[in-house]
Amino acid sequence: DDDWLPGFLAHAQYAFTGAYVYVLGGYDSTADASLVIVAGVNGAPIEGSGKVGAAFTTETLPAPLAFGQGVAVDDWVFLVGGASDIFVGAGLATAQSSEVGAGGKLGKWAPQSSLPEGRRDQALTLAGDFLYLTGGGYTAGGLPTVFAARVRF
């Protein structure tokens, strides 16, 4: 039971490299209790015992994001889909990546090829050389399509 997050974050994206864990964006409650989507990124090392070490801030996202999915592939973190609004708004078709550098710090986020259609609240996994995205919705309900992209060559 580790307490490394910077506070309450809902619907953030997470990625685990084996050596580091990252929390990417999400939404937070402000002093007046309104909800705000954030672009902040925090990481922490994972120690040999499985304990999460001291948190650090790293390269922020290009724009506030929640309801997407993150995944680590080798020395890269990918962030796919999501939304820029909490209760309304369409799923985003964006995909971006950042390289894990020294001490777990992330590099500048780079855009990747967009999804064929936007997604929020989807599932994302790595299988072999490919990322697979399934489910989620664009504005409401679930979508049956699966997208695949090769990330290892």
Protein backbone atom coordinates (compact mmCIF):
# COMPACT_ATOMS: atom_id res chain seq x y z
CA ASP A 1 0.00 0.00 0.00
CA ASP A 2 1.92 3.01 -1.32
CA ASP A 3 0.83 6.64 -1.25
CA TRP A 4 2.71 8.19 -4.17
CA LEU A 5 -0.05 9.91 -6.17
CA PRO A 6 -0.23 13.73 -5.95
CA GLY A 7 -3.79 13.55 -4.58
CA PHE A 8 -7.18 12.64 -5.96
CA LEU A 9 -7.11 11.83 -9.70
CA ALA A 10 -10.04 10.16 -11.42
CA HIS A 11 -10.01 8.44 -14.81
CA ALA A 12 -6.28 9.01 -15.22
CA GLN A 13 -4.23 6.84 -17.55
CA TYR A 14 -1.54 4.56 -16.08
CA ALA A 15 1.52 2.88 -17.57
CA PHE A 16 3.99 0.42 -15.99
CA THR A 17 7.44 -0.21 -17.49
CA GLY A 18 8.64 -2.75 -14.94
CA ALA A 19 11.03 -0.17 -13.47
CA TYR A 20 8.61 2.78 -13.25
CA VAL A 21 4.91 3.52 -12.85
CA TYR A 22 3.28 6.62 -14.37
CA VAL A 23 -0.03 8.40 -13.82
CA LEU A 24 -0.97 10.49 -16.85
CA GLY A 25 -3.60 13.25 -16.67
CA GLY A 26 -7.01 12.48 -15.22
CA TYR A 27 -9.35 14.86 -13.49
CA ASP A 28 -9.01 16.59 -10.17
CA SER A 29 -11.22 18.54 -7.80
CA THR A 30 -10.35 22.22 -7.35
CA ALA A 31 -10.75 24.27 -4.18
CA ASP A 32 -14.31 25.23 -5.19
CA ALA A 33 -15.11 21.51 -5.82
CA SER A 34 -15.38 21.91 -9.60
CA LEU A 35 -13.79 19.13 -11.64
CA VAL A 36 -10.89 19.94 -13.95
CA ILE A 37 -9.07 17.65 -16.40
CA VAL A 38 -5.30 17.98 -15.96
CA ALA A 39 -2.22 17.46 -18.14
CA GLY A 40 0.20 16.61 -15.32
CA VAL A 41 2.32 13.47 -15.37
CA ASN A 42 3.87 11.86 -12.29
CA GLY A 43 6.15 8.87 -12.14
CA ALA A 44 7.76 6.77 -9.44
CA PRO A 45 10.33 3.98 -9.43
CA ILE A 46 9.26 0.44 -8.58
CA GLU A 47 11.74 -1.00 -6.12
CA GLY A 48 12.86 -4.65 -6.08
CA SER A 49 10.41 -5.44 -3.29
CA GLY A 50 7.54 -4.14 -5.42
CA LYS A 51 7.21 -1.02 -3.27
CA VAL A 52 6.68 2.25 -5.13
CA GLY A 53 9.44 4.75 -4.43
CA ALA A 54 9.41 8.55 -4.25
CA ALA A 55 7.24 10.28 -6.84
CA PHE A 56 8.59 12.77 -9.37
CA THR A 57 7.00 15.03 -11.96
CA THR A 58 7.94 14.65 -15.60
CA GLU A 59 6.99 15.94 -19.07
CA THR A 60 3.35 17.08 -19.05
CA LEU A 61 0.87 16.00 -21.69
CA PRO A 62 0.37 18.36 -24.66
CA ALA A 63 -3.24 18.92 -23.48
CA PRO A 64 -5.37 17.88 -20.49
CA LEU A 65 -6.68 14.32 -20.91
CA ALA A 66 -8.77 11.74 -19.08
CA PHE A 67 -10.69 8.55 -19.96
CA GLY A 68 -7.95 7.24 -22.31
CA GLN A 69 -5.51 4.38 -21.96
CA GLY A 70 -1.77 4.27 -21.41
CA VAL A 71 0.64 1.39 -21.91
CA ALA A 72 4.41 1.00 -21.76
CA VAL A 73 6.25 -0.84 -24.51
CA ASP A 74 9.96 -1.32 -23.87
CA ASP A 75 11.34 2.22 -23.36
CA TRP A 76 8.22 4.03 -24.60
CA VAL A 77 4.92 5.09 -23.07
CA PHE A 78 1.91 5.29 -25.41
CA LEU A 79 -1.27 7.21 -24.65
CA VAL A 80 -4.32 6.54 -26.81
CA GLY A 81 -7.81 8.07 -27.07
CA GLY A 82 -9.52 9.72 -24.13
CA ALA A 83 -11.56 12.88 -23.69
CA SER A 84 -10.96 16.51 -22.84
CA ASP A 85 -14.31 16.91 -21.07
CA ILE A 86 -15.63 14.95 -18.11
CA PHE A 87 -19.34 14.49 -18.68
CA VAL A 88 -19.87 15.36 -22.35
CA GLY A 89 -17.76 15.38 -25.45
CA ALA A 90 -16.65 12.86 -27.98
CA GLY A 91 -13.79 10.42 -27.61
CA LEU A 92 -10.51 11.60 -29.09
CA ALA A 93 -8.73 9.89 -31.98
CA THR A 94 -5.29 10.93 -30.73
CA ALA A 95 -2.32 8.67 -30.11
CA GLN A 96 0.97 9.91 -28.70
CA SER A 97 4.19 8.54 -27.29
CA SER A 98 7.04 9.56 -25.04
CA GLU A 99 10.43 7.92 -24.55
CA VAL A 100 11.48 6.88 -21.04
CA GLY A 101 14.81 8.50 -20.30
CA ALA A 102 17.34 8.54 -17.49
CA GLY A 103 15.85 8.22 -14.03
CA GLY A 104 12.45 7.43 -15.53
CA LYS A 105 11.87 10.95 -16.81
CA LEU A 106 9.68 11.07 -19.92
CA GLY A 107 10.70 12.97 -23.03
CA LYS A 108 8.55 15.35 -25.06
CA TRP A 109 5.26 13.77 -26.19
CA ALA A 110 5.12 13.10 -29.93
CA PRO A 111 1.92 12.62 -31.94
CA GLN A 112 1.43 9.27 -33.68
CA SER A 113 -1.04 8.21 -36.37
CA SER A 114 -4.60 8.96 -35.28
CA LEU A 115 -7.19 6.29 -34.58
CA PRO A 116 -9.74 5.70 -37.37
CA GLU A 117 -12.37 7.10 -34.96
CA GLY A 118 -12.29 8.61 -31.49
CA ARG A 119 -12.52 6.53 -28.31
CA ARG A 120 -12.99 7.11 -24.61
CA ASP A 121 -13.22 4.48 -21.84
CA GLN A 122 -11.65 1.81 -24.06
CA ALA A 123 -9.23 -1.03 -23.28
CA LEU A 124 -5.65 -1.11 -24.60
CA THR A 125 -3.15 -3.96 -24.36
CA LEU A 126 0.16 -5.10 -25.81
CA ALA A 127 0.33 -8.56 -27.41
CA GLY A 128 3.60 -9.44 -29.10
CA ASP A 129 4.54 -6.55 -31.39
CA PHE A 130 1.07 -4.99 -31.52
CA LEU A 131 -1.12 -2.68 -29.46
CA TYR A 132 -4.80 -3.64 -29.53
CA LEU A 133 -7.56 -1.20 -28.65
CA THR A 134 -11.09 -2.47 -28.14
CA GLY A 135 -14.41 -1.22 -26.86
CA GLY A 136 -15.02 2.21 -25.53
CA GLY A 137 -17.32 4.73 -27.08
CA TYR A 138 -17.28 7.87 -29.14
CA THR A 139 -20.14 9.82 -27.56
CA ALA A 140 -22.22 7.13 -25.84
CA GLY A 141 -22.57 3.37 -25.74
CA GLY A 142 -19.96 0.85 -26.68
CA LEU A 143 -18.36 0.23 -30.06
CA PRO A 144 -17.50 -3.30 -31.30
CA THR A 145 -14.45 -2.41 -33.39
CA VAL A 146 -10.87 -3.40 -32.59
CA PHE A 147 -7.89 -1.37 -33.77
CA ALA A 148 -4.35 -2.76 -34.01
CA ALA A 149 -1.01 -1.02 -34.53
CA ARG A 150 2.46 -2.51 -34.71
CA VAL A 151 4.77 -0.81 -32.21
CA ARG A 152 7.77 -3.15 -32.32
CA PHE A 153 9.68 -3.62 -35.59
